[in-house]
Amino acid sequence: MKIVLNIFILALISVFISACSTKRLTIKSLHPSKIEKEKIYTIRVDRFYRDDVNQTISLEDRIENKVIDGKRIFKLQNTDFGTDAIVTGDVLNSSIRYDTYYRTEVDYSRCRYYRYDERNRSRHCMEYVIRQIPCENREYNVTTNINIIKPITNEVLFSKTYDKSSFENVCFDTPFPFYRTTANIFRMNSQIADKISQDIVDDISPHYVYYNINIIEELDDDNKLYTKEHETRFEKAVDLIVNKYLDLAKIELDLLDKELNGQSFEINYNLALIYEASNQLEMANKLYRNAKTLTLDIKYLDLIDYGINRTSINLEEKIKAKSQLP
């Protein structure tokens, strides 16, 4: 529970920090299934109760095609024999809620009031017809409960209720009162059900969590350690990181780090980011810690501390996830 809370806090910090920078690198980290004490490979999926949105089919498809690093994580079973877990479920709700309103629109093809010009023998529209255009705000909702059961003991290994909604705004060309609603609840709610299936599979299997992490974009102008050449080369390395040329960026940053005797927190930080993106979390954590010893700037210390905490937690999560892989 403590690690889950820490991950949630990290996600909030990530959103906050990401809003402060224009250049970021997306990294991914392998996290374990929420069923920590069991290693599940073979699964049988029972048809969900009240399933009118293809929840069962979409979940089977997601399970069967779940792949981590090129390897399938699960195998679907039709019987209990040799089955590690049984998935049962209930589609508790599949609904749509309408909120109707009217948008006004000037109809320039229809005139309500003319003024006739005697001199020119012509008429001019003084007021056009105002149309009432019917519109709908639609909220589609699906709520699904699942249970993961160990077949030998009937022990419930995992249980959760998933609730997702999507929203749609539609206006109709045909004016009031002759419009007809064309909402396709099955199509929309089946799409929501498929997203729920993705969430279910992420919960019951190792999966990747993605982060958008700030890049330090430039060297400190006030630091006498740096020359203009250092600054230019550093910014070039940043551009390489942004464009995903991480190997080339690492070569440039390693050269700068050597020239500056490892005394640049900006270089240490961006190197740590490259190692983290390459899934070398121990080295990344070490470089973040080095960077922390080289600056007293609160803005950057917050960024560095986030990197230290993130890599520490993600290293623990990676070890757990690796132990769950088939």
Protein backbone atom coordinates (compact mmCIF):
# COMPACT_ATOMS: atom_id res chain seq x y z
CA MET A 1 0.00 0.00 0.00
CA LYS A 2 2.89 2.36 0.82
CA ILE A 3 4.48 1.81 -2.60
CA VAL A 4 1.13 2.34 -4.36
CA LEU A 5 0.73 5.63 -2.48
CA ASN A 6 4.26 6.66 -3.43
CA ILE A 7 3.57 5.89 -7.10
CA PHE A 8 0.40 8.00 -6.94
CA ILE A 9 2.33 10.89 -5.40
CA LEU A 10 5.02 10.55 -8.08
CA ALA A 11 2.35 10.73 -10.78
CA LEU A 12 0.97 13.96 -9.29
CA ILE A 13 4.45 15.46 -9.04
CA SER A 14 5.10 14.45 -12.65
CA VAL A 15 2.03 16.33 -13.84
CA PHE A 16 3.01 19.41 -11.84
CA ILE A 17 6.64 19.47 -12.88
CA SER A 18 5.88 18.68 -16.53
CA ALA A 19 3.73 21.79 -16.73
CA CYS A 20 6.81 23.92 -16.02
CA SER A 21 8.94 22.85 -18.98
CA THR A 22 8.59 22.72 -22.73
CA LYS A 23 11.12 19.95 -23.33
CA ARG A 24 10.46 16.52 -21.88
CA LEU A 25 11.40 12.91 -22.45
CA THR A 26 8.87 10.09 -22.20
CA ILE A 27 10.19 7.09 -20.32
CA LYS A 28 8.56 3.83 -19.32
CA SER A 29 9.00 1.65 -16.26
CA LEU A 30 7.91 -1.95 -15.73
CA HIS A 31 5.49 -2.37 -12.83
CA PRO A 32 4.09 -5.59 -11.35
CA SER A 33 0.61 -7.05 -11.30
CA LYS A 34 -1.55 -6.08 -8.34
CA ILE A 35 -1.84 -9.80 -7.57
CA GLU A 36 1.56 -9.89 -5.93
CA LYS A 37 1.53 -13.33 -4.26
CA GLU A 38 0.53 -15.35 -7.32
CA LYS A 39 2.21 -15.98 -10.64
CA ILE A 40 -0.59 -16.22 -13.18
CA TYR A 41 -0.07 -17.55 -16.68
CA THR A 42 -3.10 -19.64 -17.69
CA ILE A 43 -6.50 -17.91 -17.43
CA ARG A 44 -10.10 -18.88 -18.11
CA VAL A 45 -12.60 -16.09 -18.67
CA ASP A 46 -16.26 -16.84 -17.86
CA ARG A 47 -18.89 -14.89 -19.75
CA PHE A 48 -19.74 -11.77 -17.76
CA TYR A 49 -23.23 -11.40 -16.35
CA ARG A 50 -25.39 -8.77 -18.11
CA ASP A 51 -22.73 -8.29 -20.78
CA ASP A 52 -24.33 -6.31 -23.61
CA VAL A 53 -21.14 -4.40 -24.53
CA ASN A 54 -18.77 -7.24 -25.54
CA GLN A 55 -16.89 -6.90 -22.25
CA THR A 56 -16.06 -10.62 -22.16
CA ILE A 57 -14.84 -10.73 -25.76
CA SER A 58 -12.71 -7.60 -25.46
CA LEU A 59 -11.15 -8.85 -22.21
CA GLU A 60 -10.28 -12.22 -23.77
CA ASP A 61 -8.71 -10.40 -26.70
CA ARG A 62 -6.67 -8.13 -24.43
CA ILE A 63 -5.51 -11.06 -22.30
CA GLU A 64 -4.54 -13.18 -25.30
CA ASN A 65 -2.56 -10.35 -26.90
CA LYS A 66 -0.83 -9.01 -23.79
CA VAL A 67 2.87 -8.82 -24.65
CA ILE A 68 5.85 -7.58 -22.64
CA ASP A 69 9.19 -7.25 -24.43
CA GLY A 70 7.99 -9.50 -27.23
CA LYS A 71 6.70 -12.29 -24.96
CA ARG A 72 3.08 -13.28 -24.39
CA ILE A 73 2.13 -12.97 -20.74
CA PHE A 74 -1.01 -15.15 -20.65
CA LYS A 75 -2.53 -18.24 -22.19
CA LEU A 76 -6.31 -18.56 -22.42
CA GLN A 77 -7.90 -21.80 -21.20
CA ASN A 78 -11.32 -23.33 -21.84
CA THR A 79 -11.35 -25.61 -18.78
CA ASP A 80 -10.24 -25.50 -15.15
CA PHE A 81 -7.54 -28.11 -15.71
CA GLY A 82 -4.14 -26.47 -15.53
CA THR A 83 -5.71 -23.04 -15.02
CA ASP A 84 -4.04 -20.60 -12.65
CA ALA A 85 -6.97 -18.19 -12.40
CA ILE A 86 -10.61 -17.75 -13.45
CA VAL A 87 -12.00 -14.32 -14.31
CA THR A 88 -15.67 -13.73 -13.54
CA GLY A 89 -17.50 -10.45 -13.89
CA ASP A 90 -20.67 -8.44 -14.06
CA VAL A 91 -21.46 -5.43 -16.22
CA LEU A 92 -23.20 -3.43 -13.51
CA ASN A 93 -24.16 -0.55 -15.75
CA SER A 94 -24.22 0.35 -19.44
CA SER A 95 -26.10 3.55 -19.97
CA ILE A 96 -26.38 6.92 -21.65
CA ARG A 97 -27.55 10.19 -20.11
CA TYR A 98 -28.90 13.02 -22.27
CA ASP A 99 -28.88 16.71 -21.53
CA THR A 100 -30.81 18.58 -24.24
CA TYR A 101 -30.34 22.27 -24.95
CA TYR A 102 -30.90 24.63 -27.89
CA ARG A 103 -28.37 26.73 -29.74
CA THR A 104 -29.56 29.84 -31.55
CA GLU A 105 -28.47 30.43 -35.13
CA VAL A 106 -29.26 33.20 -37.61
CA ASP A 107 -30.82 31.80 -40.80
CA TYR A 108 -29.67 34.22 -43.51
CA SER A 109 -31.76 32.41 -46.12
CA ARG A 110 -34.99 33.46 -44.41
CA CYS A 111 -36.02 37.05 -43.72
CA ARG A 112 -38.45 37.92 -40.98
CA TYR A 113 -38.87 41.61 -41.68
CA TYR A 114 -38.19 43.61 -44.90
CA ARG A 115 -37.90 47.32 -45.60
CA TYR A 116 -38.99 48.39 -49.05
CA ASP A 117 -36.99 51.10 -50.81
CA GLU A 118 -39.48 53.06 -53.01
CA ARG A 119 -36.82 55.01 -54.80
CA ASN A 120 -34.77 52.01 -55.91
CA ARG A 121 -37.74 49.67 -55.95
CA SER A 122 -35.88 47.12 -53.86
CA ARG A 123 -36.26 45.60 -50.48
CA HIS A 124 -33.74 45.00 -47.75
CA CYS A 125 -33.95 42.48 -44.95
CA MET A 126 -34.02 44.19 -41.57
CA GLU A 127 -34.27 41.06 -39.44
CA TYR A 128 -33.47 37.45 -40.25
CA VAL A 129 -35.12 34.37 -38.77
CA ILE A 130 -33.50 32.98 -35.64
CA ARG A 131 -33.40 29.19 -35.63
CA GLN A 132 -33.46 27.03 -32.53
CA ILE A 133 -30.96 24.22 -33.17
CA PRO A 134 -31.44 21.21 -30.87
CA CYS A 135 -28.26 19.83 -29.28
CA GLU A 136 -27.44 17.06 -26.85
CA ASN A 137 -24.71 16.56 -24.29
CA ARG A 138 -24.35 12.81 -23.97
CA GLU A 139 -22.60 10.92 -21.20
CA TYR A 140 -21.94 7.26 -21.90
CA ASN A 141 -21.06 5.10 -18.90
CA VAL A 142 -19.97 1.53 -18.26
CA THR A 143 -19.37 0.02 -14.82
CA THR A 144 -17.89 -3.46 -14.58
CA ASN A 145 -16.96 -5.58 -11.58
CA ILE A 146 -14.47 -8.43 -11.84
CA ASN A 147 -13.20 -11.20 -9.57
CA ILE A 148 -10.03 -13.20 -10.12
CA ILE A 149 -10.49 -16.61 -8.51
CA LYS A 150 -8.00 -19.37 -7.76
CA PRO A 151 -9.77 -22.50 -9.04
CA ILE A 152 -8.37 -25.01 -6.55
CA THR A 153 -9.38 -23.11 -3.41
CA ASN A 154 -11.99 -20.66 -4.79
CA GLU A 155 -9.97 -17.92 -3.12
CA VAL A 156 -10.62 -14.44 -4.51
CA LEU A 157 -7.18 -13.20 -5.52
CA PHE A 158 -8.31 -9.83 -6.82
CA SER A 159 -11.58 -7.91 -7.01
CA LYS A 160 -12.28 -4.46 -8.37
CA THR A 161 -15.05 -2.34 -9.86
CA TYR A 162 -14.14 -0.25 -12.90
CA ASP A 163 -16.14 2.80 -13.92
CA LYS A 164 -15.50 4.79 -17.08
CA SER A 165 -17.39 7.44 -19.02
CA SER A 166 -17.05 9.24 -22.31
CA PHE A 167 -18.74 12.42 -23.45
CA GLU A 168 -20.16 13.59 -26.75
CA ASN A 169 -21.78 16.80 -27.91
CA VAL A 170 -24.08 16.60 -30.94
CA CYS A 171 -26.16 19.25 -32.69
CA PHE A 172 -28.78 18.50 -35.36
CA ASP A 173 -29.32 20.28 -38.67
CA THR A 174 -33.05 19.60 -38.60
CA PRO A 175 -34.72 22.30 -36.48
CA PHE A 176 -37.04 21.77 -33.54
CA PRO A 177 -39.31 19.81 -33.24
CA PHE A 178 -38.44 17.43 -36.09
CA TYR A 179 -34.94 16.21 -35.17
CA ARG A 180 -34.25 12.60 -34.30
CA THR A 181 -31.52 11.42 -31.95
CA THR A 182 -29.02 8.98 -33.44
CA ALA A 183 -26.98 7.97 -30.39
CA ASN A 184 -25.33 4.58 -30.78
CA ILE A 185 -25.06 3.37 -27.20
CA PHE A 186 -23.76 -0.06 -28.16
CA ARG A 187 -20.89 1.32 -30.24
CA MET A 188 -19.83 3.91 -27.70
CA ASN A 189 -20.18 1.72 -24.61
CA SER A 190 -18.37 -1.16 -26.31
CA GLN A 191 -15.44 1.20 -26.82
CA ILE A 192 -15.56 2.13 -23.12
CA ALA A 193 -15.73 -1.57 -22.20
CA ASP A 194 -12.58 -2.19 -24.23
CA LYS A 195 -10.77 0.55 -22.28
CA ILE A 196 -11.92 -1.13 -19.07
CA SER A 197 -10.51 -4.42 -20.40
CA GLN A 198 -7.16 -2.69 -20.90
CA ASP A 199 -7.25 -1.43 -17.29
CA ILE A 200 -8.11 -4.93 -16.04
CA VAL A 201 -5.19 -6.51 -17.90
CA ASP A 202 -2.82 -3.83 -16.60
CA ASP A 203 -3.96 -4.58 -13.05
CA ILE A 204 -3.54 -8.35 -13.29
CA SER A 205 -0.28 -8.43 -15.25
CA PRO A 206 3.12 -6.75 -15.35
CA HIS A 207 2.75 -3.55 -17.33
CA TYR A 208 4.57 -0.38 -18.27
CA VAL A 209 3.89 2.95 -16.59
CA TYR A 210 4.82 6.03 -18.64
CA TYR A 211 6.28 9.31 -17.38
CA ASN A 212 6.92 12.63 -19.13
CA ILE A 213 10.08 13.89 -17.46
CA ASN A 214 11.60 17.35 -17.64
CA ILE A 215 14.92 17.82 -19.40
CA ILE A 216 17.26 20.51 -18.11
CA GLU A 217 17.50 22.65 -21.22
CA GLU A 218 20.55 24.87 -20.67
CA LEU A 219 23.57 25.42 -18.51
CA ASP A 220 23.59 28.16 -15.88
CA ASP A 221 24.87 31.38 -17.49
CA ASP A 222 26.16 32.63 -14.14
CA ASN A 223 28.35 29.59 -13.54
CA LYS A 224 31.94 30.55 -14.45
CA LEU A 225 32.72 26.87 -14.98
CA TYR A 226 30.99 26.95 -18.35
CA THR A 227 32.18 28.47 -21.62
CA LYS A 228 30.00 29.45 -24.56
CA GLU A 229 31.18 26.31 -26.31
CA HIS A 230 30.02 24.19 -23.37
CA GLU A 231 26.62 25.84 -23.47
CA THR A 232 26.25 25.30 -27.22
CA ARG A 233 27.24 21.64 -27.03
CA PHE A 234 24.94 21.06 -24.06
CA GLU A 235 21.98 22.54 -25.94
CA LYS A 236 22.85 20.34 -28.92
CA ALA A 237 22.72 17.30 -26.61
CA VAL A 238 19.33 18.44 -25.31
CA ASP A 239 18.00 18.57 -28.88
CA LEU A 240 19.31 15.04 -29.44
CA ILE A 241 17.45 13.85 -26.32
CA VAL A 242 14.23 15.51 -27.44
CA ASN A 243 14.53 13.82 -30.83
CA LYS A 244 15.22 10.41 -29.18
CA TYR A 245 18.86 10.15 -30.33
CA LEU A 246 19.82 9.07 -26.83
CA ASP A 247 23.05 7.28 -27.76
CA LEU A 248 24.41 10.37 -29.52
CA ALA A 249 23.27 12.63 -26.67
CA LYS A 250 25.03 10.38 -24.16
CA ILE A 251 28.30 10.53 -26.11
CA GLU A 252 28.22 14.35 -26.12
CA LEU A 253 27.26 14.61 -22.46
CA ASP A 254 29.92 12.09 -21.41
CA LEU A 255 32.55 14.22 -23.17
CA LEU A 256 31.31 17.38 -21.46
CA ASP A 257 31.18 15.61 -18.09
CA LYS A 258 34.81 14.53 -18.48
CA GLU A 259 35.95 18.02 -19.50
CA LEU A 260 34.17 19.56 -16.50
CA ASN A 261 35.44 16.89 -14.07
CA GLY A 262 31.90 15.76 -13.22
CA GLN A 263 31.07 19.12 -11.62
CA SER A 264 27.94 19.96 -13.64
CA PHE A 265 24.62 19.05 -12.05
CA GLU A 266 22.85 19.77 -15.35
CA ILE A 267 24.98 17.20 -17.18
CA ASN A 268 24.64 14.64 -14.37
CA TYR A 269 20.86 15.10 -14.42
CA ASN A 270 20.43 14.71 -18.18
CA LEU A 271 22.76 11.69 -18.21
CA ALA A 272 20.63 10.17 -15.43
CA LEU A 273 17.56 10.76 -17.56
CA ILE A 274 19.17 8.92 -20.50
CA TYR A 275 20.09 5.96 -18.28
CA GLU A 276 16.57 5.91 -16.87
CA ALA A 277 15.08 5.88 -20.37
CA SER A 278 17.39 2.94 -21.14
CA ASN A 279 16.02 1.11 -18.06
CA GLN A 280 19.35 1.29 -16.22
CA LEU A 281 17.73 2.49 -13.02
CA GLU A 282 20.61 1.91 -10.59
CA MET A 283 23.00 4.04 -12.66
CA ALA A 284 20.29 6.67 -13.16
CA ASN A 285 19.68 6.83 -9.41
CA LYS A 286 23.42 7.25 -8.76
CA LEU A 287 23.67 10.13 -11.24
CA TYR A 288 20.60 11.88 -9.81
CA ARG A 289 22.23 11.67 -6.38
CA ASN A 290 25.48 13.09 -7.78
CA ALA A 291 23.53 15.96 -9.34
CA LYS A 292 21.94 16.75 -5.96
CA THR A 293 25.35 17.35 -4.39
CA LEU A 294 26.25 19.94 -7.06
CA THR A 295 23.45 22.51 -6.70
CA LEU A 296 21.53 24.44 -4.07
CA ASP A 297 18.90 25.75 -6.49
CA ILE A 298 15.49 24.78 -5.04
CA LYS A 299 13.85 24.56 -8.48
CA TYR A 300 16.35 21.98 -9.65
CA LEU A 301 16.57 20.21 -6.28
CA ASP A 302 12.83 19.42 -6.54
CA LEU A 303 13.38 18.03 -10.02
CA ILE A 304 16.37 15.95 -8.89
CA ASP A 305 14.60 14.64 -5.78
CA TYR A 306 11.73 13.53 -7.99
CA GLY A 307 14.23 11.60 -10.12
CA ILE A 308 15.82 9.96 -7.06
CA ASN A 309 12.46 8.89 -5.60
CA ARG A 310 11.09 7.77 -8.95
CA THR A 311 14.04 5.56 -9.83
CA SER A 312 14.21 4.09 -6.30
CA ILE A 313 10.54 3.08 -6.39
CA ASN A 314 10.62 1.94 -10.01
CA LEU A 315 13.64 -0.26 -9.33
CA GLU A 316 11.68 -2.09 -6.62
CA GLU A 317 8.67 -2.36 -8.91
CA LYS A 318 10.79 -3.67 -11.78
CA ILE A 319 12.24 -6.47 -9.62
CA LYS A 320 8.73 -7.54 -8.57
CA ALA A 321 7.44 -7.39 -12.15
CA LYS A 322 10.35 -9.46 -13.49
CA SER A 323 9.55 -12.21 -10.98
CA GLN A 324 5.97 -12.37 -12.35
CA LEU A 325 6.93 -12.80 -16.00
CA PRO A 326 6.52 -16.29 -17.49
